[in-house]
């Protein structure tokens, strides 16, 4: 998937799941659209997205 974070090695990206939730779809709607996902998959995707949003890059001085 081009280096994008995926759900349990499936061809479903974290961005797709988070995007669906952000667009107003409920967890139950996402699960109905993607029956091979589990509720915990969606929760892990949201936790991962939150962690990435808090991540900071620190520029190192060059010698």
N, C-alpha and C. Protein backbone atom coordinates (compact mmCIF):
# COMPACT_ATOMS: atom_id res chain seq x y z
N UNK A 1 0.83 -1.19 0.00
CA UNK A 1 0.00 0.00 0.00
C UNK A 1 0.87 1.26 0.00
N UNK A 2 2.02 1.17 -0.60
CA UNK A 2 2.86 2.35 -0.75
C UNK A 2 3.45 2.86 0.55
N UNK A 3 3.66 1.99 1.51
CA UNK A 3 4.27 2.40 2.77
C UNK A 3 3.29 3.00 3.78
N UNK A 4 2.00 3.01 3.45
CA UNK A 4 0.99 3.55 4.37
C UNK A 4 0.69 2.53 5.45
N UNK A 5 0.35 3.03 6.63
CA UNK A 5 -0.01 2.15 7.74
C UNK A 5 -1.31 1.43 7.39
N UNK A 6 -1.29 0.10 7.58
CA UNK A 6 -2.44 -0.74 7.25
C UNK A 6 -2.98 -1.44 8.48
N UNK A 7 -4.21 -1.88 8.36
CA UNK A 7 -4.87 -2.62 9.43
C UNK A 7 -4.47 -4.09 9.33
N UNK A 8 -3.82 -4.61 10.34
CA UNK A 8 -3.45 -6.03 10.45
C UNK A 8 -2.93 -6.63 9.15
N UNK A 9 -2.16 -5.89 8.38
CA UNK A 9 -1.59 -6.42 7.17
C UNK A 9 -2.57 -6.53 6.01
N UNK A 10 -3.79 -6.04 6.19
CA UNK A 10 -4.79 -6.06 5.12
C UNK A 10 -4.53 -4.88 4.18
N UNK A 11 -5.24 -4.85 3.09
CA UNK A 11 -5.14 -3.74 2.15
C UNK A 11 -6.16 -2.66 2.51
N UNK A 12 -6.24 -2.37 3.80
CA UNK A 12 -7.10 -1.31 4.33
C UNK A 12 -6.19 -0.39 5.12
N UNK A 13 -6.12 0.87 4.72
CA UNK A 13 -5.20 1.78 5.40
C UNK A 13 -5.85 2.44 6.61
N UNK A 14 -4.99 2.84 7.53
CA UNK A 14 -5.44 3.59 8.69
C UNK A 14 -6.13 4.87 8.22
N UNK A 15 -5.56 5.51 7.19
CA UNK A 15 -6.15 6.74 6.68
C UNK A 15 -7.56 6.56 6.16
N UNK A 16 -7.83 5.42 5.53
CA UNK A 16 -9.17 5.15 5.03
C UNK A 16 -10.15 5.03 6.19
N UNK A 17 -9.77 4.29 7.23
CA UNK A 17 -10.64 4.10 8.38
C UNK A 17 -10.88 5.43 9.09
N UNK A 18 -9.82 6.15 9.37
CA UNK A 18 -9.95 7.43 10.07
C UNK A 18 -10.74 8.42 9.21
N UNK A 19 -10.53 8.39 7.92
CA UNK A 19 -11.28 9.27 7.02
C UNK A 19 -12.77 8.99 7.06
N UNK A 20 -13.14 7.72 7.13
CA UNK A 20 -14.56 7.36 7.21
C UNK A 20 -15.18 7.88 8.51
N UNK A 21 -14.47 7.71 9.60
CA UNK A 21 -14.97 8.21 10.89
C UNK A 21 -15.06 9.74 10.85
N UNK A 22 -14.04 10.38 10.31
CA UNK A 22 -14.02 11.83 10.20
C UNK A 22 -15.12 12.38 9.30
N UNK A 23 -15.56 11.58 8.34
CA UNK A 23 -16.63 12.00 7.44
C UNK A 23 -18.01 11.83 8.06
N UNK A 24 -18.03 11.31 9.29
CA UNK A 24 -19.30 11.20 10.00
C UNK A 24 -19.90 9.81 10.04
N UNK A 25 -19.20 8.84 9.49
CA UNK A 25 -19.70 7.46 9.55
C UNK A 25 -19.45 6.89 10.94
N UNK A 26 -20.41 6.12 11.43
CA UNK A 26 -20.24 5.49 12.74
C UNK A 26 -19.34 4.26 12.60
N UNK A 27 -18.85 3.80 13.73
CA UNK A 27 -18.04 2.58 13.73
C UNK A 27 -18.87 1.42 13.16
N UNK A 28 -20.14 1.35 13.53
CA UNK A 28 -20.99 0.27 13.02
C UNK A 28 -21.15 0.35 11.51
N UNK A 29 -21.23 1.56 10.96
CA UNK A 29 -21.33 1.71 9.51
C UNK A 29 -20.05 1.24 8.81
N UNK A 30 -18.91 1.60 9.39
CA UNK A 30 -17.64 1.17 8.80
C UNK A 30 -17.53 -0.36 8.86
N UNK A 31 -17.93 -0.94 9.98
CA UNK A 31 -17.90 -2.39 10.11
C UNK A 31 -18.84 -3.06 9.11
N UNK A 32 -19.98 -2.45 8.82
CA UNK A 32 -20.91 -3.02 7.83
C UNK A 32 -20.32 -2.94 6.42
N UNK A 33 -19.61 -1.83 6.13
CA UNK A 33 -19.01 -1.67 4.80
C UNK A 33 -17.79 -2.55 4.61
N UNK A 34 -17.09 -2.85 5.69
CA UNK A 34 -15.87 -3.66 5.65
C UNK A 34 -16.01 -4.80 6.66
N UNK A 35 -16.79 -5.82 6.34
CA UNK A 35 -17.12 -6.88 7.32
C UNK A 35 -15.93 -7.68 7.82
N UNK A 36 -14.79 -7.59 7.15
CA UNK A 36 -13.60 -8.31 7.60
C UNK A 36 -12.84 -7.54 8.68
N UNK A 37 -13.25 -6.30 8.96
CA UNK A 37 -12.65 -5.54 10.06
C UNK A 37 -13.37 -5.86 11.36
N UNK A 38 -12.66 -5.66 12.45
CA UNK A 38 -13.23 -5.82 13.79
C UNK A 38 -13.23 -4.46 14.47
N UNK A 39 -14.09 -4.31 15.46
CA UNK A 39 -14.19 -3.05 16.20
C UNK A 39 -12.81 -2.62 16.72
N UNK A 40 -12.03 -3.56 17.21
CA UNK A 40 -10.70 -3.25 17.75
C UNK A 40 -9.78 -2.70 16.65
N UNK A 41 -9.94 -3.14 15.40
CA UNK A 41 -9.16 -2.60 14.30
C UNK A 41 -9.39 -1.10 14.16
N UNK A 42 -10.64 -0.70 14.24
CA UNK A 42 -10.98 0.72 14.11
C UNK A 42 -10.44 1.51 15.30
N UNK A 43 -10.56 0.96 16.49
CA UNK A 43 -10.05 1.65 17.68
C UNK A 43 -8.53 1.80 17.60
N UNK A 44 -7.84 0.77 17.13
CA UNK A 44 -6.38 0.85 16.99
C UNK A 44 -6.00 1.89 15.93
N UNK A 45 -6.77 1.97 14.85
CA UNK A 45 -6.50 2.97 13.82
C UNK A 45 -6.64 4.38 14.38
N UNK A 46 -7.66 4.59 15.18
CA UNK A 46 -7.86 5.92 15.79
C UNK A 46 -6.75 6.25 16.78
N UNK A 47 -6.33 5.25 17.56
CA UNK A 47 -5.23 5.48 18.50
C UNK A 47 -3.93 5.79 17.75
N UNK A 48 -3.69 5.09 16.68
CA UNK A 48 -2.48 5.32 15.89
C UNK A 48 -2.51 6.73 15.29
N UNK A 49 -3.65 7.14 14.75
CA UNK A 49 -3.77 8.48 14.17
C UNK A 49 -3.55 9.55 15.22
N UNK A 50 -4.08 9.35 16.41
CA UNK A 50 -3.87 10.31 17.50
C UNK A 50 -2.40 10.39 17.88
N UNK A 51 -1.74 9.24 17.95
CA UNK A 51 -0.31 9.21 18.28
C UNK A 51 0.49 9.95 17.22
N UNK A 52 0.17 9.70 15.93
CA UNK A 52 0.91 10.38 14.85
C UNK A 52 0.67 11.88 14.86
N UNK A 53 -0.51 12.28 15.26
CA UNK A 53 -0.81 13.72 15.32
C UNK A 53 0.01 14.41 16.40
N UNK A 54 0.38 13.68 17.42
CA UNK A 54 1.18 14.25 18.52
C UNK A 54 2.67 14.16 18.25
N UNK A 55 3.07 13.37 17.27
CA UNK A 55 4.49 13.18 16.97
C UNK A 55 5.12 14.48 16.48
N UNK A 56 6.32 14.76 16.93
CA UNK A 56 7.03 15.96 16.51
C UNK A 56 8.34 15.57 15.85
N UNK A 57 8.75 16.35 14.87
CA UNK A 57 10.05 16.16 14.25
C UNK A 57 11.02 17.16 14.88
N UNK A 58 12.18 16.68 15.22
CA UNK A 58 13.22 17.53 15.80
C UNK A 58 14.36 17.59 14.80
N UNK A 59 14.66 18.77 14.33
CA UNK A 59 15.73 18.95 13.37
C UNK A 59 17.06 18.94 14.12
N UNK A 60 17.98 18.13 13.65
CA UNK A 60 19.30 18.06 14.26
C UNK A 60 20.23 19.02 13.55
N UNK A 61 21.11 19.61 14.30
CA UNK A 61 22.09 20.53 13.71
C UNK A 61 23.07 19.72 12.87
N UNK A 62 23.44 20.25 11.73
CA UNK A 62 24.41 19.57 10.89
C UNK A 62 25.81 20.02 11.26
N UNK A 63 26.74 19.11 11.20
CA UNK A 63 28.12 19.43 11.59
C UNK A 63 28.92 19.97 10.43
